[in-house]
Amino acid sequence: MENTKSAFMDKYLTPLAIFVAAIIIALALIYGHIGGVATGGTGAPTAPAVAVNIKDVKTDGDPFIGPANAPTTVALFYDYQCPFCKQFEQGVTPQLITNYVSTGKTKIVFKDFQFLGADSTTAALFARAVWATYPDQFYPWFMAMFNAQDQEGDTGFGNLASIETLTKTIPGIDVTKVEANMNANKDAYQKAVDADRAEGAALGINGTPSIIVGTKLFTGLSTAAYYSGISAELNSELK
């Protein structure tokens, strides 16, 4: 009987345990990369490890869209190489622009949380120069960057040459002026990029995209859950 039980365990239970463990590890890696708060995909985040308040988020000097004096603010921490950020920009931001930014109800501030390699940093520095020289063209450039995003990491699109080539396709931007601005202010821009990431880390952010609205931190959600959660918080603030 004991030999039969052992044979059964060896044949069925041990492989099953290995399979389950593999699934757990894979899920841990996925959610670890997305980062942040466990939400169950509901759009209602659990209490963040650190109390957050949009009023405490530093926004001076960071690129933004919407009225500068809008009654509400959305702070978006992102990385140009992050595929989940691409999903957010293509699926959530357009809805926020239509329903809140274009109506003057909110502004979206773009906060650097560049952690996926040298290309992320290059894009962040170039972005600062775009914002400084052509603020009205920043968002079309920003979206073009995410639309062109391909493989995560330092291969494919994302190095300086490819960013310059892409930028030439954006009307109203002189690439030579942007690059000159970036080179002249690289140290200052690097400090600003580093400060954004340090601030995000201090707020409990460990992945992208992470969004702070009011006293809520949204991270690790589906596209639909991001929008429903953010819009609910904005509506609450706008009452």
C-alpha atoms as a PDB file:
ATOM      1  CA  MET A   1       0.000   0.000   0.000  1.00  0.00           C
ATOM      2  CA  GLU A   2       2.803   2.389   0.918  1.00  0.00           C
ATOM      3  CA  ASN A   3       4.555   1.666  -2.369  1.00  0.00           C
ATOM      4  CA  THR A   4       1.332   2.312  -4.272  1.00  0.00           C
ATOM      5  CA  LYS A   5       0.848   5.690  -2.516  1.00  0.00           C
ATOM      6  CA  SER A   6       4.435   6.676  -3.239  1.00  0.00           C
ATOM      7  CA  ALA A   7       4.075   5.751  -6.900  1.00  0.00           C
ATOM      8  CA  PHE A   8       0.870   7.793  -7.122  1.00  0.00           C
ATOM      9  CA  MET A   9       2.555  10.836  -5.582  1.00  0.00           C
ATOM     10  CA  ASP A  10       5.559  10.529  -7.870  1.00  0.00           C
ATOM     11  CA  LYS A  11       3.390  10.168 -10.957  1.00  0.00           C
ATOM     12  CA  TYR A  12       0.708  12.812 -10.283  1.00  0.00           C
ATOM     13  CA  LEU A  13       1.183  15.058  -7.256  1.00  0.00           C
ATOM     14  CA  THR A  14       4.842  16.014  -7.722  1.00  0.00           C
ATOM     15  CA  PRO A  15       4.442  17.175 -11.356  1.00  0.00           C
ATOM     16  CA  LEU A  16       1.255  19.012 -10.346  1.00  0.00           C
ATOM     17  CA  ALA A  17       3.081  20.795  -7.537  1.00  0.00           C
ATOM     18  CA  ILE A  18       5.852  21.839  -9.919  1.00  0.00           C
ATOM     19  CA  PHE A  19       3.278  23.127 -12.422  1.00  0.00           C
ATOM     20  CA  VAL A  20       1.447  25.159  -9.767  1.00  0.00           C
ATOM     21  CA  ALA A  21       4.717  26.592  -8.471  1.00  0.00           C
ATOM     22  CA  ALA A  22       5.673  27.645 -11.998  1.00  0.00           C
ATOM     23  CA  ILE A  23       2.364  29.486 -12.402  1.00  0.00           C
ATOM     24  CA  ILE A  24       2.843  31.282  -9.066  1.00  0.00           C
ATOM     25  CA  ILE A  25       6.363  32.366 -10.010  1.00  0.00           C
ATOM     26  CA  ALA A  26       5.201  33.595 -13.435  1.00  0.00           C
ATOM     27  CA  LEU A  27       2.395  35.636 -11.908  1.00  0.00           C
ATOM     28  CA  ALA A  28       4.779  37.102  -9.359  1.00  0.00           C
ATOM     29  CA  LEU A  29       7.130  38.184 -12.120  1.00  0.00           C
ATOM     30  CA  ILE A  30       4.320  39.723 -14.163  1.00  0.00           C
ATOM     31  CA  TYR A  31       2.848  41.705 -11.301  1.00  0.00           C
ATOM     32  CA  GLY A  32       6.267  42.621 -10.032  1.00  0.00           C
ATOM     33  CA  HIS A  33       7.067  44.180 -13.415  1.00  0.00           C
ATOM     34  CA  ILE A  34       3.776  46.039 -13.585  1.00  0.00           C
ATOM     35  CA  GLY A  35       4.427  47.126 -10.046  1.00  0.00           C
ATOM     36  CA  GLY A  36       2.346  48.485  -7.275  1.00  0.00           C
ATOM     37  CA  VAL A  37      -0.788  47.865  -5.387  1.00  0.00           C
ATOM     38  CA  ALA A  38      -2.816  44.686  -5.484  1.00  0.00           C
ATOM     39  CA  THR A  39      -6.299  45.637  -6.643  1.00  0.00           C
ATOM     40  CA  GLY A  40      -7.954  42.520  -7.920  1.00  0.00           C
ATOM     41  CA  GLY A  41      -8.610  44.350 -11.197  1.00  0.00           C
ATOM     42  CA  THR A  42     -11.538  46.249  -9.719  1.00  0.00           C
ATOM     43  CA  GLY A  43     -10.162  49.764 -10.200  1.00  0.00           C
ATOM     44  CA  ALA A  44     -10.424  50.428  -6.461  1.00  0.00           C
ATOM     45  CA  PRO A  45      -6.873  50.194  -5.094  1.00  0.00           C
ATOM     46  CA  THR A  46      -6.105  48.939  -1.649  1.00  0.00           C
ATOM     47  CA  ALA A  47      -4.449  51.394   0.708  1.00  0.00           C
ATOM     48  CA  PRO A  48      -0.950  52.173  -0.611  1.00  0.00           C
ATOM     49  CA  ALA A  49       2.051  51.406   1.573  1.00  0.00           C
ATOM     50  CA  VAL A  50       2.707  55.152   1.783  1.00  0.00           C
ATOM     51  CA  ALA A  51      -0.078  57.710   2.109  1.00  0.00           C
ATOM     52  CA  VAL A  52      -0.361  59.689  -1.120  1.00  0.00           C
ATOM     53  CA  ASN A  53      -1.931  63.024  -1.918  1.00  0.00           C
ATOM     54  CA  ILE A  54      -1.795  64.735  -5.280  1.00  0.00           C
ATOM     55  CA  LYS A  55      -1.313  68.032  -3.459  1.00  0.00           C
ATOM     56  CA  ASP A  56       2.075  66.801  -2.270  1.00  0.00           C
ATOM     57  CA  VAL A  57       3.287  65.646  -5.702  1.00  0.00           C
ATOM     58  CA  LYS A  58       5.819  68.041  -7.206  1.00  0.00           C
ATOM     59  CA  THR A  59       4.666  69.140 -10.644  1.00  0.00           C
ATOM     60  CA  ASP A  60       6.705  72.264 -11.380  1.00  0.00           C
ATOM     61  CA  GLY A  61       8.833  71.810 -14.480  1.00  0.00           C
ATOM     62  CA  ASP A  62       7.246  68.531 -15.555  1.00  0.00           C
ATOM     63  CA  PRO A  63       5.441  68.328 -18.916  1.00  0.00           C
ATOM     64  CA  PHE A  64       1.654  68.458 -18.750  1.00  0.00           C
ATOM     65  CA  ILE A  65      -1.449  68.747 -20.877  1.00  0.00           C
ATOM     66  CA  GLY A  66      -4.581  70.650 -19.957  1.00  0.00           C
ATOM     67  CA  PRO A  67      -5.147  73.985 -18.239  1.00  0.00           C
ATOM     68  CA  ALA A  68      -2.329  74.930 -15.858  1.00  0.00           C
ATOM     69  CA  ASN A  69      -4.936  75.972 -13.265  1.00  0.00           C
ATOM     70  CA  ALA A  70      -7.290  73.007 -13.765  1.00  0.00           C
ATOM     71  CA  PRO A  71      -9.260  72.108 -10.617  1.00  0.00           C
ATOM     72  CA  THR A  72      -7.851  68.553 -10.565  1.00  0.00           C
ATOM     73  CA  THR A  73      -4.515  66.977 -11.416  1.00  0.00           C
ATOM     74  CA  VAL A  74      -3.514  63.500 -12.556  1.00  0.00           C
ATOM     75  CA  ALA A  75       0.144  62.572 -11.994  1.00  0.00           C
ATOM     76  CA  LEU A  76       1.327  59.823 -14.329  1.00  0.00           C
ATOM     77  CA  PHE A  77       4.609  58.031 -13.554  1.00  0.00           C
ATOM     78  CA  TYR A  78       5.811  56.228 -16.685  1.00  0.00           C
ATOM     79  CA  ASP A  79       8.718  54.761 -18.655  1.00  0.00           C
ATOM     80  CA  TYR A  80       9.083  55.130 -22.429  1.00  0.00           C
ATOM     81  CA  GLN A  81      10.122  51.468 -22.761  1.00  0.00           C
ATOM     82  CA  CYS A  82       7.250  50.082 -20.669  1.00  0.00           C
ATOM     83  CA  PRO A  83       4.689  48.119 -22.750  1.00  0.00           C
ATOM     84  CA  PHE A  84       2.029  48.583 -20.072  1.00  0.00           C
ATOM     85  CA  CYS A  85       2.526  52.355 -20.373  1.00  0.00           C
ATOM     86  CA  LYS A  86       1.877  52.034 -24.098  1.00  0.00           C
ATOM     87  CA  GLN A  87      -1.398  50.266 -23.354  1.00  0.00           C
ATOM     88  CA  PHE A  88      -2.303  53.022 -20.900  1.00  0.00           C
ATOM     89  CA  GLU A  89      -1.471  55.812 -23.351  1.00  0.00           C
ATOM     90  CA  GLN A  90      -3.415  54.217 -26.166  1.00  0.00           C
ATOM     91  CA  GLY A  91      -6.390  53.057 -24.107  1.00  0.00           C
ATOM     92  CA  VAL A  92      -6.824  55.359 -21.113  1.00  0.00           C
ATOM     93  CA  THR A  93      -5.284  58.771 -21.779  1.00  0.00           C
ATOM     94  CA  PRO A  94      -7.459  59.490 -24.864  1.00  0.00           C
ATOM     95  CA  GLN A  95     -10.570  58.973 -22.723  1.00  0.00           C
ATOM     96  CA  LEU A  96      -9.195  61.226 -19.994  1.00  0.00           C
ATOM     97  CA  ILE A  97      -8.428  63.907 -22.579  1.00  0.00           C
ATOM     98  CA  THR A  98     -11.927  63.746 -24.074  1.00  0.00           C
ATOM     99  CA  ASN A  99     -13.824  63.739 -20.790  1.00  0.00           C
ATOM    100  CA  TYR A 100     -11.615  65.766 -18.452  1.00  0.00           C
ATOM    101  CA  VAL A 101      -8.665  67.548 -20.093  1.00  0.00           C
ATOM    102  CA  SER A 102     -10.476  69.029 -23.095  1.00  0.00           C
ATOM    103  CA  THR A 103     -13.308  70.170 -20.848  1.00  0.00           C
ATOM    104  CA  GLY A 104     -10.910  72.029 -18.550  1.00  0.00           C
ATOM    105  CA  LYS A 105     -11.569  69.752 -15.580  1.00  0.00           C
ATOM    106  CA  THR A 106      -8.080  68.319 -15.153  1.00  0.00           C
ATOM    107  CA  LYS A 107      -4.478  68.409 -16.251  1.00  0.00           C
ATOM    108  CA  ILE A 108      -2.240  65.378 -16.684  1.00  0.00           C
ATOM    109  CA  VAL A 109       1.336  65.776 -15.469  1.00  0.00           C
ATOM    110  CA  PHE A 110       3.929  63.389 -16.893  1.00  0.00           C
ATOM    111  CA  LYS A 111       6.404  62.198 -14.261  1.00  0.00           C
ATOM    112  CA  ASP A 112       9.538  60.258 -15.185  1.00  0.00           C
ATOM    113  CA  PHE A 113      10.032  56.828 -13.648  1.00  0.00           C
ATOM    114  CA  GLN A 114      12.642  55.593 -16.095  1.00  0.00           C
ATOM    115  CA  PHE A 115      13.993  52.225 -14.933  1.00  0.00           C
ATOM    116  CA  LEU A 116      14.228  50.043 -18.039  1.00  0.00           C
ATOM    117  CA  GLY A 117      17.688  50.898 -19.290  1.00  0.00           C
ATOM    118  CA  ALA A 118      19.676  53.474 -21.197  1.00  0.00           C
ATOM    119  CA  ASP A 119      17.033  54.027 -23.884  1.00  0.00           C
ATOM    120  CA  SER A 120      14.516  55.033 -21.217  1.00  0.00           C
ATOM    121  CA  THR A 121      16.902  57.681 -19.920  1.00  0.00           C
ATOM    122  CA  THR A 122      17.746  58.924 -23.418  1.00  0.00           C
ATOM    123  CA  ALA A 123      14.053  59.361 -24.197  1.00  0.00           C
ATOM    124  CA  ALA A 124      13.458  61.156 -20.910  1.00  0.00           C
ATOM    125  CA  LEU A 125      16.260  63.657 -21.532  1.00  0.00           C
ATOM    126  CA  PHE A 126      15.094  64.256 -25.101  1.00  0.00           C
ATOM    127  CA  ALA A 127      11.540  64.716 -23.833  1.00  0.00           C
ATOM    128  CA  ARG A 128      12.655  67.438 -21.437  1.00  0.00           C
ATOM    129  CA  ALA A 129      14.218  69.257 -24.361  1.00  0.00           C
ATOM    130  CA  VAL A 130      11.065  68.869 -26.464  1.00  0.00           C
ATOM    131  CA  TRP A 131       9.004  70.311 -23.615  1.00  0.00           C
ATOM    132  CA  ALA A 132      11.429  73.226 -23.170  1.00  0.00           C
ATOM    133  CA  THR A 133      11.571  74.156 -26.852  1.00  0.00           C
ATOM    134  CA  TYR A 134       8.171  73.107 -28.238  1.00  0.00           C
ATOM    135  CA  PRO A 135       5.674  72.627 -25.372  1.00  0.00           C
ATOM    136  CA  ASP A 136       2.667  72.679 -27.713  1.00  0.00           C
ATOM    137  CA  GLN A 137       4.116  69.762 -29.673  1.00  0.00           C
ATOM    138  CA  PHE A 138       5.105  67.749 -26.608  1.00  0.00           C
ATOM    139  CA  TYR A 139       2.023  65.558 -26.429  1.00  0.00           C
ATOM    140  CA  PRO A 140       1.937  64.635 -30.150  1.00  0.00           C
ATOM    141  CA  TRP A 141       5.618  63.729 -29.807  1.00  0.00           C
ATOM    142  CA  PHE A 142       4.946  61.812 -26.581  1.00  0.00           C
ATOM    143  CA  MET A 143       2.200  59.724 -28.192  1.00  0.00           C
ATOM    144  CA  ALA A 144       4.328  59.119 -31.287  1.00  0.00           C
ATOM    145  CA  MET A 145       7.020  57.725 -29.006  1.00  0.00           C
ATOM    146  CA  PHE A 146       4.645  55.179 -27.501  1.00  0.00           C
ATOM    147  CA  ASN A 147       3.070  54.299 -30.842  1.00  0.00           C
ATOM    148  CA  ALA A 148       6.580  53.548 -32.176  1.00  0.00           C
ATOM    149  CA  GLN A 149       7.591  51.525 -29.114  1.00  0.00           C
ATOM    150  CA  ASP A 150       8.581  47.986 -29.989  1.00  0.00           C
ATOM    151  CA  GLN A 151      10.794  45.681 -27.951  1.00  0.00           C
ATOM    152  CA  GLU A 152      11.379  46.508 -24.318  1.00  0.00           C
ATOM    153  CA  GLY A 153      14.985  47.274 -23.458  1.00  0.00           C
ATOM    154  CA  ASP A 154      17.948  48.680 -25.315  1.00  0.00           C
ATOM    155  CA  THR A 155      17.289  47.079 -28.692  1.00  0.00           C
ATOM    156  CA  GLY A 156      15.160  48.241 -31.594  1.00  0.00           C
ATOM    157  CA  PHE A 157      13.425  51.598 -31.362  1.00  0.00           C
ATOM    158  CA  GLY A 158      14.438  53.927 -28.550  1.00  0.00           C
ATOM    159  CA  ASN A 159      18.055  54.978 -29.033  1.00  0.00           C
ATOM    160  CA  LEU A 160      18.902  58.587 -29.835  1.00  0.00           C
ATOM    161  CA  ALA A 161      19.127  58.093 -33.603  1.00  0.00           C
ATOM    162  CA  SER A 162      15.686  56.471 -33.827  1.00  0.00           C
ATOM    163  CA  ILE A 163      14.148  59.147 -31.577  1.00  0.00           C
ATOM    164  CA  GLU A 164      15.593  61.875 -33.790  1.00  0.00           C
ATOM    165  CA  THR A 165      14.220  60.170 -36.903  1.00  0.00           C
ATOM    166  CA  LEU A 166      10.772  59.917 -35.325  1.00  0.00           C
ATOM    167  CA  THR A 167      10.875  63.526 -34.138  1.00  0.00           C
ATOM    168  CA  LYS A 168      11.449  64.742 -37.696  1.00  0.00           C
ATOM    169  CA  THR A 169       7.991  63.417 -38.554  1.00  0.00           C
ATOM    170  CA  ILE A 170       6.275  65.627 -35.959  1.00  0.00           C
ATOM    171  CA  PRO A 171       5.133  68.936 -37.509  1.00  0.00           C
ATOM    172  CA  GLY A 172       6.447  72.058 -35.836  1.00  0.00           C
ATOM    173  CA  ILE A 173       9.565  70.546 -34.246  1.00  0.00           C
ATOM    174  CA  ASP A 174      13.114  71.362 -35.318  1.00  0.00           C
ATOM    175  CA  VAL A 175      15.183  68.353 -34.246  1.00  0.00           C
ATOM    176  CA  THR A 176      18.428  70.349 -34.345  1.00  0.00           C
ATOM    177  CA  LYS A 177      17.087  72.854 -31.809  1.00  0.00           C
ATOM    178  CA  VAL A 178      15.805  70.105 -29.531  1.00  0.00           C
ATOM    179  CA  GLU A 179      19.105  68.248 -29.566  1.00  0.00           C
ATOM    180  CA  ALA A 180      21.038  71.471 -28.923  1.00  0.00           C
ATOM    181  CA  ASN A 181      18.799  72.207 -25.948  1.00  0.00           C
ATOM    182  CA  MET A 182      19.226  68.686 -24.598  1.00  0.00           C
ATOM    183  CA  ASN A 183      23.018  68.837 -24.848  1.00  0.00           C
ATOM    184  CA  ALA A 184      23.143  72.271 -23.214  1.00  0.00           C
ATOM    185  CA  ASN A 185      20.932  71.225 -20.295  1.00  0.00           C
ATOM    186  CA  LYS A 186      21.676  67.521 -19.955  1.00  0.00           C
ATOM    187  CA  ASP A 187      22.872  67.703 -16.354  1.00  0.00           C
ATOM    188  CA  ALA A 188      19.836  69.687 -15.230  1.00  0.00           C
ATOM    189  CA  TYR A 189      17.463  67.392 -17.086  1.00  0.00           C
ATOM    190  CA  GLN A 190      19.128  64.311 -15.611  1.00  0.00           C
ATOM    191  CA  LYS A 191      18.651  65.728 -12.117  1.00  0.00           C
ATOM    192  CA  ALA A 192      14.982  66.392 -12.872  1.00  0.00           C
ATOM    193  CA  VAL A 193      14.491  62.850 -14.191  1.00  0.00           C
ATOM    194  CA  ASP A 194      16.242  61.393 -11.142  1.00  0.00           C
ATOM    195  CA  ALA A 195      14.154  63.569  -8.815  1.00  0.00           C
ATOM    196  CA  ASP A 196      10.914  62.319 -10.369  1.00  0.00           C
ATOM    197  CA  ARG A 197      11.925  58.711  -9.905  1.00  0.00           C
ATOM    198  CA  ALA A 198      13.099  59.285  -6.333  1.00  0.00           C
ATOM    199  CA  GLU A 199       9.825  61.018  -5.538  1.00  0.00           C
ATOM    200  CA  GLY A 200       7.855  58.142  -7.013  1.00  0.00           C
ATOM    201  CA  ALA A 201       9.834  55.601  -5.018  1.00  0.00           C
ATOM    202  CA  ALA A 202       9.230  57.599  -1.840  1.00  0.00           C
ATOM    203  CA  LEU A 203       5.497  57.453  -2.600  1.00  0.00           C
ATOM    204  CA  GLY A 204       5.610  53.662  -2.793  1.00  0.00           C
ATOM    205  CA  ILE A 205       5.744  53.401  -6.580  1.00  0.00           C
ATOM    206  CA  ASN A 206       7.812  50.499  -7.903  1.00  0.00           C
ATOM    207  CA  GLY A 207       6.536  50.059 -11.447  1.00  0.00           C
ATOM    208  CA  THR A 208       4.792  51.739 -14.343  1.00  0.00           C
ATOM    209  CA  PRO A 209       2.313  53.049 -15.177  1.00  0.00           C
ATOM    210  CA  SER A 210       1.429  54.394 -11.744  1.00  0.00           C
ATOM    211  CA  ILE A 211      -1.096  57.174 -11.353  1.00  0.00           C
ATOM    212  CA  ILE A 212      -1.856  59.409  -8.394  1.00  0.00           C
ATOM    213  CA  VAL A 213      -5.219  61.156  -8.274  1.00  0.00           C
ATOM    214  CA  GLY A 214      -6.475  62.758  -5.090  1.00  0.00           C
ATOM    215  CA  THR A 215      -5.411  60.387  -2.329  1.00  0.00           C
ATOM    216  CA  LYS A 216      -5.445  57.281  -4.516  1.00  0.00           C
ATOM    217  CA  LEU A 217      -2.585  55.392  -6.170  1.00  0.00           C
ATOM    218  CA  PHE A 218      -3.572  53.339  -9.215  1.00  0.00           C
ATOM    219  CA  THR A 219      -1.125  50.753 -10.514  1.00  0.00           C
ATOM    220  CA  GLY A 220      -1.090  47.237 -11.946  1.00  0.00           C
ATOM    221  CA  LEU A 221      -4.620  47.455 -13.377  1.00  0.00           C
ATOM    222  CA  SER A 222      -6.300  46.603 -16.653  1.00  0.00           C
ATOM    223  CA  THR A 223      -7.036  49.435 -19.094  1.00  0.00           C
ATOM    224  CA  ALA A 224     -10.720  49.454 -18.168  1.00  0.00           C
ATOM    225  CA  ALA A 225      -9.992  49.382 -14.442  1.00  0.00           C
ATOM    226  CA  TYR A 226      -7.510  52.237 -14.738  1.00  0.00           C
ATOM    227  CA  TYR A 227     -10.055  54.462 -16.423  1.00  0.00           C
ATOM    228  CA  SER A 228     -12.956  53.591 -14.149  1.00  0.00           C
ATOM    229  CA  GLY A 229     -10.872  54.120 -11.018  1.00  0.00           C
ATOM    230  CA  ILE A 230      -9.296  57.388 -12.144  1.00  0.00           C
ATOM    231  CA  SER A 231     -12.571  58.823 -13.453  1.00  0.00           C
ATOM    232  CA  ALA A 232     -14.392  57.915 -10.246  1.00  0.00           C
ATOM    233  CA  GLU A 233     -11.760  59.733  -8.193  1.00  0.00           C
ATOM    234  CA  LEU A 234     -11.847  62.766 -10.488  1.00  0.00           C
ATOM    235  CA  ASN A 235     -15.634  62.899 -10.336  1.00  0.00           C
ATOM    236  CA  SER A 236     -15.456  62.776  -6.566  1.00  0.00           C
ATOM    237  CA  GLU A 237     -12.999  65.683  -6.497  1.00  0.00           C
ATOM    238  CA  LEU A 238     -15.061  67.726  -8.947  1.00  0.00           C
ATOM    239  CA  LYS A 239     -18.260  67.560  -6.892  1.00  0.00           C
END
